[in-house]
PDB file of N, CA and C in Angstrom:
ATOM      1  N   UNK A   1       0.858  -1.173  -0.015  1.00  0.00           N
ATOM      2  CA  UNK A   1      -0.019  -0.025  -0.008  1.00  0.00           C
ATOM      3  C   UNK A   1       0.903   1.256   0.034  1.00  0.00           C
ATOM      4  N   UNK A   2       0.503   2.188  -0.807  1.00  0.00           N
ATOM      5  CA  UNK A   2       1.232   3.436  -0.925  1.00  0.00           C
ATOM      6  C   UNK A   2       0.543   4.486  -0.069  1.00  0.00           C
ATOM      7  N   UNK A   3       1.367   5.370   0.526  1.00  0.00           N
ATOM      8  CA  UNK A   3       0.768   6.513   1.210  1.00  0.00           C
ATOM      9  C   UNK A   3       0.490   7.665   0.262  1.00  0.00           C
ATOM     10  N   UNK A   4      -0.148   8.696   0.761  1.00  0.00           N
ATOM     11  CA  UNK A   4      -0.538   9.809  -0.126  1.00  0.00           C
ATOM     12  C   UNK A   4       0.690  10.454  -0.811  1.00  0.00           C
ATOM     13  N   UNK A   5       1.795  10.563  -0.100  1.00  0.00           N
ATOM     14  CA  UNK A   5       3.024  11.174  -0.667  1.00  0.00           C
ATOM     15  C   UNK A   5       3.559  10.317  -1.814  1.00  0.00           C
ATOM     16  N   UNK A   6       3.592   8.987  -1.607  1.00  0.00           N
ATOM     17  CA  UNK A   6       4.082   8.101  -2.644  1.00  0.00           C
ATOM     18  C   UNK A   6       3.170   8.086  -3.863  1.00  0.00           C
ATOM     19  N   UNK A   7       1.845   8.171  -3.624  1.00  0.00           N
ATOM     20  CA  UNK A   7       0.895   8.207  -4.715  1.00  0.00           C
ATOM     21  C   UNK A   7       1.111   9.484  -5.525  1.00  0.00           C
ATOM     22  N   UNK A   8       1.320  10.638  -4.848  1.00  0.00           N
ATOM     23  CA  UNK A   8       1.552  11.851  -5.575  1.00  0.00           C
ATOM     24  C   UNK A   8       2.836  11.835  -6.329  1.00  0.00           C
ATOM     25  N   UNK A   9       3.882  11.273  -5.752  1.00  0.00           N
ATOM     26  CA  UNK A   9       5.191  11.142  -6.465  1.00  0.00           C
ATOM     27  C   UNK A   9       5.055  10.296  -7.703  1.00  0.00           C
ATOM     28  N   UNK A  10       4.309   9.184  -7.588  1.00  0.00           N
ATOM     29  CA  UNK A  10       4.093   8.333  -8.786  1.00  0.00           C
ATOM     30  C   UNK A  10       3.299   9.101  -9.847  1.00  0.00           C
ATOM     31  N   UNK A  11       2.323   9.832  -9.399  1.00  0.00           N
ATOM     32  CA  UNK A  11       1.512  10.650 -10.337  1.00  0.00           C
ATOM     33  C   UNK A  11       2.346  11.647 -11.070  1.00  0.00           C
ATOM     34  N   UNK A  12       3.313  12.241 -10.383  1.00  0.00           N
ATOM     35  CA  UNK A  12       4.222  13.185 -11.046  1.00  0.00           C
ATOM     36  C   UNK A  12       5.152  12.504 -12.035  1.00  0.00           C
ATOM     37  N   UNK A  13       5.564  11.243 -11.746  1.00  0.00           N
ATOM     38  CA  UNK A  13       6.371  10.492 -12.684  1.00  0.00           C
ATOM     39  C   UNK A  13       5.519  10.163 -13.941  1.00  0.00           C
ATOM     40  N   UNK A  14       4.270   9.836 -13.711  1.00  0.00           N
ATOM     41  CA  UNK A  14       3.358   9.529 -14.814  1.00  0.00           C
ATOM     42  C   UNK A  14       3.283  10.775 -15.773  1.00  0.00           C
ATOM     43  N   UNK A  15       3.106  11.939 -15.187  1.00  0.00           N
ATOM     44  CA  UNK A  15       3.026  13.189 -15.958  1.00  0.00           C
ATOM     45  C   UNK A  15       4.360  13.390 -16.728  1.00  0.00           C
ATOM     46  N   UNK A  16       5.485  13.108 -16.107  1.00  0.00           N
ATOM     47  CA  UNK A  16       6.776  13.208 -16.797  1.00  0.00           C
ATOM     48  C   UNK A  16       6.843  12.311 -18.028  1.00  0.00           C
ATOM     49  N   UNK A  17       6.298  11.086 -17.888  1.00  0.00           N
ATOM     50  CA  UNK A  17       6.253  10.123 -19.014  1.00  0.00           C
ATOM     51  C   UNK A  17       5.345  10.690 -20.112  1.00  0.00           C
ATOM     52  N   UNK A  18       4.223  11.247 -19.708  1.00  0.00           N
ATOM     53  CA  UNK A  18       3.236  11.802 -20.648  1.00  0.00           C
ATOM     54  C   UNK A  18       3.862  12.938 -21.504  1.00  0.00           C
ATOM     55  N   UNK A  19       4.763  13.659 -20.800  1.00  0.00           N
ATOM     56  CA  UNK A  19       5.443  14.763 -21.535  1.00  0.00           C
ATOM     57  C   UNK A  19       6.375  14.269 -22.617  1.00  0.00           C
ATOM     58  N   UNK A  20       6.696  12.945 -22.623  1.00  0.00           N
ATOM     59  CA  UNK A  20       7.607  12.409 -23.615  1.00  0.00           C
ATOM     60  C   UNK A  20       6.881  11.754 -24.832  1.00  0.00           C
ATOM     61  N   UNK A  21       5.555  11.831 -24.770  1.00  0.00           N
ATOM     62  CA  UNK A  21       4.772  11.242 -25.865  1.00  0.00           C
ATOM     63  C   UNK A  21       4.184  12.373 -26.729  1.00  0.00           C
ATOM     64  N   UNK A  22       4.427  12.318 -27.993  1.00  0.00           N
ATOM     65  CA  UNK A  22       4.063  13.372 -28.904  1.00  0.00           C
ATOM     66  C   UNK A  22       2.955  12.985 -29.861  1.00  0.00           C
ATOM     67  N   UNK A  23       2.041  13.836 -30.151  1.00  0.00           N
ATOM     68  CA  UNK A  23       1.055  13.656 -31.208  1.00  0.00           C
ATOM     69  C   UNK A  23       1.853  13.638 -32.501  1.00  0.00           C
ATOM     70  N   UNK A  24       1.677  12.635 -33.364  1.00  0.00           N
ATOM     71  CA  UNK A  24       2.472  12.541 -34.546  1.00  0.00           C
ATOM     72  C   UNK A  24       2.227  13.698 -35.554  1.00  0.00           C
ATOM     73  N   UNK A  25       1.099  14.370 -35.426  1.00  0.00           N
ATOM     74  CA  UNK A  25       0.833  15.443 -36.394  1.00  0.00           C
ATOM     75  C   UNK A  25       1.148  16.829 -35.868  1.00  0.00           C
ATOM     76  N   UNK A  26       1.352  16.933 -34.571  1.00  0.00           N
ATOM     77  CA  UNK A  26       1.598  18.229 -33.907  1.00  0.00           C
ATOM     78  C   UNK A  26       2.845  18.145 -33.033  1.00  0.00           C
ATOM     79  N   UNK A  27       3.817  19.052 -33.242  1.00  0.00           N
ATOM     80  CA  UNK A  27       5.103  18.942 -32.496  1.00  0.00           C
ATOM     81  C   UNK A  27       5.024  19.328 -31.001  1.00  0.00           C
ATOM     82  N   UNK A  28       3.968  18.853 -30.311  1.00  0.00           N
ATOM     83  CA  UNK A  28       3.797  19.205 -28.915  1.00  0.00           C
ATOM     84  C   UNK A  28       3.436  17.898 -28.194  1.00  0.00           C
ATOM     85  N   UNK A  29       3.836  17.715 -26.928  1.00  0.00           N
ATOM     86  CA  UNK A  29       3.526  16.497 -26.263  1.00  0.00           C
ATOM     87  C   UNK A  29       2.014  16.452 -25.855  1.00  0.00           C
ATOM     88  N   UNK A  30       1.523  15.235 -25.655  1.00  0.00           N
ATOM     89  CA  UNK A  30       0.126  15.085 -25.438  1.00  0.00           C
ATOM     90  C   UNK A  30      -0.400  15.684 -24.182  1.00  0.00           C
ATOM     91  N   UNK A  31       0.491  15.922 -23.160  1.00  0.00           N
ATOM     92  CA  UNK A  31       0.061  16.529 -21.939  1.00  0.00           C
ATOM     93  C   UNK A  31      -0.161  18.036 -22.159  1.00  0.00           C
ATOM     94  N   UNK A  32       0.796  18.642 -22.804  1.00  0.00           N
ATOM     95  CA  UNK A  32       0.692  20.104 -23.103  1.00  0.00           C
ATOM     96  C   UNK A  32      -0.466  20.381 -24.071  1.00  0.00           C
ATOM     97  N   UNK A  33      -0.770  19.428 -24.927  1.00  0.00           N
ATOM     98  CA  UNK A  33      -1.859  19.546 -25.892  1.00  0.00           C
ATOM     99  C   UNK A  33      -3.223  19.516 -25.158  1.00  0.00           C
ATOM    100  N   UNK A  34      -3.260  19.018 -23.933  1.00  0.00           N
ATOM    101  CA  UNK A  34      -4.488  18.972 -23.169  1.00  0.00           C
ATOM    102  C   UNK A  34      -5.269  17.679 -23.483  1.00  0.00           C
ATOM    103  N   UNK A  35      -4.574  16.675 -24.028  1.00  0.00           N
ATOM    104  CA  UNK A  35      -5.262  15.403 -24.356  1.00  0.00           C
ATOM    105  C   UNK A  35      -5.413  14.494 -23.143  1.00  0.00           C
ATOM    106  N   UNK A  36      -4.720  14.827 -22.007  1.00  0.00           N
ATOM    107  CA  UNK A  36      -4.862  14.087 -20.789  1.00  0.00           C
ATOM    108  C   UNK A  36      -5.881  14.783 -19.916  1.00  0.00           C
ATOM    109  N   UNK A  37      -6.929  14.156 -19.617  1.00  0.00           N
ATOM    110  CA  UNK A  37      -7.994  14.747 -18.786  1.00  0.00           C
ATOM    111  C   UNK A  37      -7.778  14.504 -17.334  1.00  0.00           C
ATOM    112  N   UNK A  38      -7.236  13.292 -17.000  1.00  0.00           N
ATOM    113  CA  UNK A  38      -7.081  12.973 -15.589  1.00  0.00           C
ATOM    114  C   UNK A  38      -6.095  11.849 -15.443  1.00  0.00           C
ATOM    115  N   UNK A  39      -5.316  11.844 -14.347  1.00  0.00           N
ATOM    116  CA  UNK A  39      -4.436  10.741 -13.979  1.00  0.00           C
ATOM    117  C   UNK A  39      -4.743  10.404 -12.529  1.00  0.00           C
ATOM    118  N   UNK A  40      -5.117   9.106 -12.307  1.00  0.00           N
ATOM    119  CA  UNK A  40      -5.457   8.674 -10.937  1.00  0.00           C
ATOM    120  C   UNK A  40      -4.493   7.550 -10.538  1.00  0.00           C
ATOM    121  N   UNK A  41      -3.944   7.658  -9.343  1.00  0.00           N
ATOM    122  CA  UNK A  41      -3.029   6.673  -8.823  1.00  0.00           C
ATOM    123  C   UNK A  41      -3.713   6.107  -7.560  1.00  0.00           C
ATOM    124  N   UNK A  42      -3.861   4.786  -7.478  1.00  0.00           N
ATOM    125  CA  UNK A  42      -4.472   4.145  -6.331  1.00  0.00           C
ATOM    126  C   UNK A  42      -3.419   3.793  -5.277  1.00  0.00           C
ATOM    127  N   UNK A  43      -3.906   3.393  -4.100  1.00  0.00           N
ATOM    128  CA  UNK A  43      -2.938   2.986  -3.026  1.00  0.00           C
ATOM    129  C   UNK A  43      -2.183   1.764  -3.388  1.00  0.00           C
ATOM    130  N   UNK A  44      -2.731   1.016  -4.426  1.00  0.00           N
ATOM    131  CA  UNK A  44      -2.056  -0.234  -4.868  1.00  0.00           C
ATOM    132  C   UNK A  44      -1.125   0.035  -6.060  1.00  0.00           C
ATOM    133  N   UNK A  45      -0.903   1.296  -6.346  1.00  0.00           N
ATOM    134  CA  UNK A  45      -0.068   1.705  -7.539  1.00  0.00           C
ATOM    135  C   UNK A  45      -0.657   1.390  -8.849  1.00  0.00           C
ATOM    136  N   UNK A  46      -2.001   1.218  -8.878  1.00  0.00           N
ATOM    137  CA  UNK A  46      -2.687   1.065 -10.167  1.00  0.00           C
ATOM    138  C   UNK A  46      -2.881   2.446 -10.675  1.00  0.00           C
ATOM    139  N   UNK A  47      -2.786   2.627 -11.997  1.00  0.00           N
ATOM    140  CA  UNK A  47      -2.915   3.950 -12.587  1.00  0.00           C
ATOM    141  C   UNK A  47      -3.980   3.959 -13.687  1.00  0.00           C
ATOM    142  N   UNK A  48      -4.873   4.978 -13.585  1.00  0.00           N
ATOM    143  CA  UNK A  48      -5.845   5.157 -14.622  1.00  0.00           C
ATOM    144  C   UNK A  48      -5.643   6.539 -15.226  1.00  0.00           C
ATOM    145  N   UNK A  49      -5.673   6.550 -16.588  1.00  0.00           N
ATOM    146  CA  UNK A  49      -5.435   7.789 -17.300  1.00  0.00           C
ATOM    147  C   UNK A  49      -6.647   8.020 -18.200  1.00  0.00           C
ATOM    148  N   UNK A  50      -7.300   9.112 -18.012  1.00  0.00           N
ATOM    149  CA  UNK A  50      -8.416   9.504 -18.966  1.00  0.00           C
ATOM    150  C   UNK A  50      -7.745  10.404 -20.063  1.00  0.00           C
ATOM    151  N   UNK A  51      -7.867   9.966 -21.248  1.00  0.00           N
ATOM    152  CA  UNK A  51      -7.327  10.759 -22.357  1.00  0.00           C
ATOM    153  C   UNK A  51      -8.278  10.865 -23.524  1.00  0.00           C
ATOM    154  N   UNK A  52      -8.014  11.836 -24.368  1.00  0.00           N
ATOM    155  CA  UNK A  52      -8.869  11.952 -25.561  1.00  0.00           C
ATOM    156  C   UNK A  52      -7.897  12.124 -26.738  1.00  0.00           C
ATOM    157  N   UNK A  53      -8.455  12.367 -27.924  1.00  0.00           N
ATOM    158  CA  UNK A  53      -7.621  12.617 -29.116  1.00  0.00           C
ATOM    159  C   UNK A  53      -8.115  13.949 -29.679  1.00  0.00           C
ATOM    160  N   UNK A  54      -7.323  14.540 -30.545  1.00  0.00           N
ATOM    161  CA  UNK A  54      -7.704  15.761 -31.141  1.00  0.00           C
ATOM    162  C   UNK A  54      -8.977  15.617 -31.934  1.00  0.00           C
ATOM    163  N   UNK A  55      -9.229  14.404 -32.516  1.00  0.00           N
ATOM    164  CA  UNK A  55     -10.466  14.093 -33.126  1.00  0.00           C
ATOM    165  C   UNK A  55     -10.689  12.566 -33.036  1.00  0.00           C
ATOM    166  N   UNK A  56     -11.928  12.158 -32.944  1.00  0.00           N
ATOM    167  CA  UNK A  56     -12.216  10.683 -32.850  1.00  0.00           C
ATOM    168  C   UNK A  56     -11.721   9.916 -34.053  1.00  0.00           C
ATOM    169  N   UNK A  57     -11.524  10.535 -35.180  1.00  0.00           N
ATOM    170  CA  UNK A  57     -11.023   9.860 -36.392  1.00  0.00           C
ATOM    171  C   UNK A  57      -9.509  10.027 -36.521  1.00  0.00           C
ATOM    172  N   UNK A  58      -8.863  10.409 -35.475  1.00  0.00           N
ATOM    173  CA  UNK A  58      -7.411  10.631 -35.409  1.00  0.00           C
ATOM    174  C   UNK A  58      -6.707   9.375 -35.944  1.00  0.00           C
ATOM    175  N   UNK A  59      -5.709   9.501 -36.823  1.00  0.00           N
ATOM    176  CA  UNK A  59      -4.996   8.269 -37.341  1.00  0.00           C
ATOM    177  C   UNK A  59      -4.328   7.427 -36.284  1.00  0.00           C
ATOM    178  N   UNK A  60      -4.078   7.963 -35.131  1.00  0.00           N
ATOM    179  CA  UNK A  60      -3.414   7.198 -34.086  1.00  0.00           C
ATOM    180  C   UNK A  60      -4.386   6.774 -32.963  1.00  0.00           C
ATOM    181  N   UNK A  61      -5.669   6.703 -33.295  1.00  0.00           N
ATOM    182  CA  UNK A  61      -6.705   6.390 -32.295  1.00  0.00           C
ATOM    183  C   UNK A  61      -6.431   5.077 -31.589  1.00  0.00           C
ATOM    184  N   UNK A  62      -5.837   4.088 -32.311  1.00  0.00           N
ATOM    185  CA  UNK A  62      -5.597   2.844 -31.693  1.00  0.00           C
ATOM    186  C   UNK A  62      -4.173   2.783 -31.037  1.00  0.00           C
ATOM    187  N   UNK A  63      -3.172   3.343 -31.748  1.00  0.00           N
ATOM    188  CA  UNK A  63      -1.829   3.198 -31.278  1.00  0.00           C
ATOM    189  C   UNK A  63      -1.439   4.170 -30.160  1.00  0.00           C
ATOM    190  N   UNK A  64      -2.054   5.323 -30.126  1.00  0.00           N
ATOM    191  CA  UNK A  64      -1.712   6.324 -29.112  1.00  0.00           C
ATOM    192  C   UNK A  64      -2.007   5.818 -27.669  1.00  0.00           C
ATOM    193  N   UNK A  65      -3.278   5.358 -27.379  1.00  0.00           N
ATOM    194  CA  UNK A  65      -3.531   4.849 -26.037  1.00  0.00           C
ATOM    195  C   UNK A  65      -2.628   3.699 -25.618  1.00  0.00           C
ATOM    196  N   UNK A  66      -2.293   2.846 -26.596  1.00  0.00           N
ATOM    197  CA  UNK A  66      -1.395   1.702 -26.297  1.00  0.00           C
ATOM    198  C   UNK A  66       0.015   2.218 -25.981  1.00  0.00           C
ATOM    199  N   UNK A  67       0.464   3.229 -26.715  1.00  0.00           N
ATOM    200  CA  UNK A  67       1.786   3.814 -26.462  1.00  0.00           C
ATOM    201  C   UNK A  67       1.820   4.412 -25.038  1.00  0.00           C
ATOM    202  N   UNK A  68       0.746   5.131 -24.694  1.00  0.00           N
ATOM    203  CA  UNK A  68       0.621   5.726 -23.340  1.00  0.00           C
ATOM    204  C   UNK A  68       0.690   4.576 -22.284  1.00  0.00           C
ATOM    205  N   UNK A  69      -0.137   3.562 -22.518  1.00  0.00           N
ATOM    206  CA  UNK A  69      -0.164   2.445 -21.526  1.00  0.00           C
ATOM    207  C   UNK A  69       1.220   1.834 -21.342  1.00  0.00           C
ATOM    208  N   UNK A  70       1.920   1.508 -22.486  1.00  0.00           N
ATOM    209  CA  UNK A  70       3.163   0.885 -22.436  1.00  0.00           C
ATOM    210  C   UNK A  70       4.239   1.714 -21.752  1.00  0.00           C
ATOM    211  N   UNK A  71       4.295   2.986 -22.063  1.00  0.00           N
ATOM    212  CA  UNK A  71       5.314   3.824 -21.507  1.00  0.00           C
ATOM    213  C   UNK A  71       5.093   4.060 -20.056  1.00  0.00           C
ATOM    214  N   UNK A  72       3.854   4.235 -19.596  1.00  0.00           N
ATOM    215  CA  UNK A  72       3.535   4.424 -18.176  1.00  0.00           C
ATOM    216  C   UNK A  72       3.800   3.119 -17.368  1.00  0.00           C
ATOM    217  N   UNK A  73       3.461   1.983 -18.038  1.00  0.00           N
ATOM    218  CA  UNK A  73       3.720   0.702 -17.447  1.00  0.00           C
ATOM    219  C   UNK A  73       5.196   0.432 -17.182  1.00  0.00           C
ATOM    220  N   UNK A  74       6.053   1.141 -17.917  1.00  0.00           N
ATOM    221  CA  UNK A  74       7.460   0.903 -17.764  1.00  0.00           C
ATOM    222  C   UNK A  74       8.017   1.503 -16.462  1.00  0.00           C
ATOM    223  N   UNK A  75       7.229   2.311 -15.760  1.00  0.00           N
ATOM    224  CA  UNK A  75       7.631   2.850 -14.480  1.00  0.00           C
ATOM    225  C   UNK A  75       7.707   1.686 -13.452  1.00  0.00           C
ATOM    226  N   UNK A  76       8.804   1.619 -12.760  1.00  0.00           N
ATOM    227  CA  UNK A  76       9.031   0.525 -11.803  1.00  0.00           C
ATOM    228  C   UNK A  76       7.807   0.336 -10.828  1.00  0.00           C
ATOM    229  N   UNK A  77       7.349   1.470 -10.290  1.00  0.00           N
ATOM    230  CA  UNK A  77       6.323   1.410  -9.245  1.00  0.00           C
ATOM    231  C   UNK A  77       4.918   1.020  -9.797  1.00  0.00           C
ATOM    232  N   UNK A  78       4.757   1.274 -11.117  1.00  0.00           N
ATOM    233  CA  UNK A  78       3.370   1.075 -11.674  1.00  0.00           C
ATOM    234  C   UNK A  78       2.989  -0.386 -11.680  1.00  0.00           C
ATOM    235  N   UNK A  79       1.758  -0.644 -11.210  1.00  0.00           N
ATOM    236  CA  UNK A  79       1.222  -1.996 -11.314  1.00  0.00           C
ATOM    237  C   UNK A  79       0.359  -2.029 -12.582  1.00  0.00           C
ATOM    238  N   UNK A  80      -0.940  -2.067 -12.409  1.00  0.00           N
ATOM    239  CA  UNK A  80      -1.840  -2.094 -13.536  1.00  0.00           C
ATOM    240  C   UNK A  80      -2.061  -0.690 -14.118  1.00  0.00           C
ATOM    241  N   UNK A  81      -1.963  -0.521 -15.422  1.00  0.00           N
ATOM    242  CA  UNK A  81      -2.187   0.783 -16.054  1.00  0.00           C
ATOM    243  C   UNK A  81      -3.325   0.649 -17.059  1.00  0.00           C
ATOM    244  N   UNK A  82      -4.333   1.526 -16.828  1.00  0.00           N
ATOM    245  CA  UNK A  82      -5.493   1.530 -17.726  1.00  0.00           C
ATOM    246  C   UNK A  82      -5.576   2.894 -18.409  1.00  0.00           C
ATOM    247  N   UNK A  83      -5.758   2.901 -19.726  1.00  0.00           N
ATOM    248  CA  UNK A  83      -5.965   4.139 -20.450  1.00  0.00           C
ATOM    249  C   UNK A  83      -7.389   4.148 -20.894  1.00  0.00           C
ATOM    250  N   UNK A  84      -8.152   5.159 -20.441  1.00  0.00           N
ATOM    251  CA  UNK A  84      -9.549   5.224 -20.759  1.00  0.00           C
ATOM    252  C   UNK A  84      -9.770   6.298 -21.743  1.00  0.00           C
ATOM    253  N   UNK A  85     -10.311   5.974 -22.925  1.00  0.00           N
ATOM    254  CA  UNK A  85     -10.528   6.962 -23.962  1.00  0.00           C
ATOM    255  C   UNK A  85     -11.882   7.655 -23.675  1.00  0.00           C
ATOM    256  N   UNK A  86     -11.831   8.937 -23.658  1.00  0.00           N
ATOM    257  CA  UNK A  86     -13.059   9.727 -23.407  1.00  0.00           C
ATOM    258  C   UNK A  86     -13.159  10.785 -24.511  1.00  0.00           C
ATOM    259  N   UNK A  87     -14.386  11.015 -24.924  1.00  0.00           N
ATOM    260  CA  UNK A  87     -14.617  12.074 -25.941  1.00  0.00           C
ATOM    261  C   UNK A  87     -15.527  13.162 -25.419  1.00  0.00           C
ATOM    262  N   UNK A  88     -15.798  13.153 -24.148  1.00  0.00           N
ATOM    263  CA  UNK A  88     -16.584  14.154 -23.444  1.00  0.00           C
ATOM    264  C   UNK A  88     -15.709  14.709 -22.326  1.00  0.00           C
ATOM    265  N   UNK A  89     -15.454  15.986 -22.221  1.00  0.00           N
ATOM    266  CA  UNK A  89     -15.800  16.960 -23.204  1.00  0.00           C
ATOM    267  C   UNK A  89     -14.969  16.862 -24.486  1.00  0.00           C
ATOM    268  N   UNK A  90     -15.459  17.303 -25.584  1.00  0.00           N
ATOM    269  CA  UNK A  90     -14.743  17.273 -26.818  1.00  0.00           C
ATOM    270  C   UNK A  90     -13.511  18.145 -26.742  1.00  0.00           C
ATOM    271  N   UNK A  91     -12.367  17.657 -27.222  1.00  0.00           N
ATOM    272  CA  UNK A  91     -11.145  18.462 -27.150  1.00  0.00           C
ATOM    273  C   UNK A  91     -11.237  19.697 -28.064  1.00  0.00           C
ATOM    274  N   UNK A  92     -10.733  20.813 -27.523  1.00  0.00           N
ATOM    275  CA  UNK A  92     -10.656  22.020 -28.329  1.00  0.00           C
ATOM    276  C   UNK A  92      -9.292  22.653 -28.133  1.00  0.00           C
ATOM    277  N   UNK A  93      -8.928  23.564 -28.988  1.00  0.00           N
ATOM    278  CA  UNK A  93      -7.563  24.232 -28.879  1.00  0.00           C
ATOM    279  C   UNK A  93      -7.467  24.906 -27.525  1.00  0.00           C
ATOM    280  N   UNK A  94      -8.551  25.318 -26.878  1.00  0.00           N
ATOM    281  CA  UNK A  94      -8.505  26.016 -25.641  1.00  0.00           C
ATOM    282  C   UNK A  94      -7.940  25.166 -24.527  1.00  0.00           C
ATOM    283  N   UNK A  95      -7.922  23.815 -24.759  1.00  0.00           N
ATOM    284  CA  UNK A  95      -7.420  22.873 -23.719  1.00  0.00           C
ATOM    285  C   UNK A  95      -5.918  22.826 -23.679  1.00  0.00           C
ATOM    286  N   UNK A  96      -5.283  23.409 -24.714  1.00  0.00           N
ATOM    287  CA  UNK A  96      -3.783  23.375 -24.750  1.00  0.00           C
ATOM    288  C   UNK A  96      -3.236  24.307 -23.694  1.00  0.00           C
ATOM    289  N   UNK A  97      -2.050  23.971 -23.246  1.00  0.00           N
ATOM    290  CA  UNK A  97      -1.312  24.818 -22.281  1.00  0.00           C
ATOM    291  C   UNK A  97      -0.901  26.119 -23.045  1.00  0.00           C
ATOM    292  N   UNK A  98      -0.573  27.093 -22.284  1.00  0.00           N
ATOM    293  CA  UNK A  98      -0.086  28.337 -22.937  1.00  0.00           C
ATOM    294  C   UNK A  98       1.171  28.044 -23.775  1.00  0.00           C
ATOM    295  N   UNK A  99       2.010  27.135 -23.188  1.00  0.00           N
ATOM    296  CA  UNK A  99       3.294  26.766 -23.880  1.00  0.00           C
ATOM    297  C   UNK A  99       2.943  26.147 -25.250  1.00  0.00           C
ATOM    298  N   UNK A 100       1.936  25.247 -25.310  1.00  0.00           N
ATOM    299  CA  UNK A 100       1.622  24.605 -26.532  1.00  0.00           C
ATOM    300  C   UNK A 100       1.012  25.616 -27.544  1.00  0.00           C
ATOM    301  N   UNK A 101       0.171  26.500 -27.073  1.00  0.00           N
ATOM    302  CA  UNK A 101      -0.438  27.525 -27.941  1.00  0.00           C
ATOM    303  C   UNK A 101       0.653  28.428 -28.513  1.00  0.00           C
ATOM    304  N   UNK A 102       1.670  28.792 -27.696  1.00  0.00           N
ATOM    305  CA  UNK A 102       2.798  29.594 -28.153  1.00  0.00           C
ATOM    306  C   UNK A 102       3.568  28.804 -29.222  1.00  0.00           C
ATOM    307  N   UNK A 103       3.895  27.558 -28.952  1.00  0.00           N
ATOM    308  CA  UNK A 103       4.629  26.709 -29.857  1.00  0.00           C
ATOM    309  C   UNK A 103       3.960  26.591 -31.239  1.00  0.00           C
ATOM    310  N   UNK A 104       2.636  26.543 -31.197  1.00  0.00           N
ATOM    311  CA  UNK A 104       1.886  26.315 -32.418  1.00  0.00           C
ATOM    312  C   UNK A 104       1.390  27.643 -33.098  1.00  0.00           C
ATOM    313  N   UNK A 105       1.795  28.729 -32.445  1.00  0.00           N
ATOM    314  CA  UNK A 105       1.433  30.050 -33.008  1.00  0.00           C
ATOM    315  C   UNK A 105      -0.036  30.489 -32.802  1.00  0.00           C
ATOM    316  N   UNK A 106      -0.652  29.944 -31.736  1.00  0.00           N
ATOM    317  CA  UNK A 106      -2.032  30.358 -31.449  1.00  0.00           C
ATOM    318  C   UNK A 106      -2.071  31.598 -30.520  1.00  0.00           C
ATOM    319  N   UNK A 107      -0.899  32.058 -30.041  1.00  0.00           N
ATOM    320  CA  UNK A 107      -0.897  33.246 -29.166  1.00  0.00           C
ATOM    321  C   UNK A 107      -0.226  34.421 -29.889  1.00  0.00           C
TER     322      UNK A 107
END
């Protein structure tokens, strides 16, 4: 069983991993793009990630969630990793971080 501090530390490691995964069509990582809606870490070190895609017909609709699951699973502390695809709320450019908007010329 993990305590609150360990769960938070693992959550931060998960976010670090998410920063290393890029949308193939946009030169910005999926976290900064706002494609990650939530990261939950349980006391048992199980991780659930709610994520979306820039569009439901995105060409990486099948490979992207699997890449996220595999990379997060590679963390030593991680036990079971689930990636849950959600399309509500629908992703919009407003969900991007300021950094991503700047990178893509939206600011």
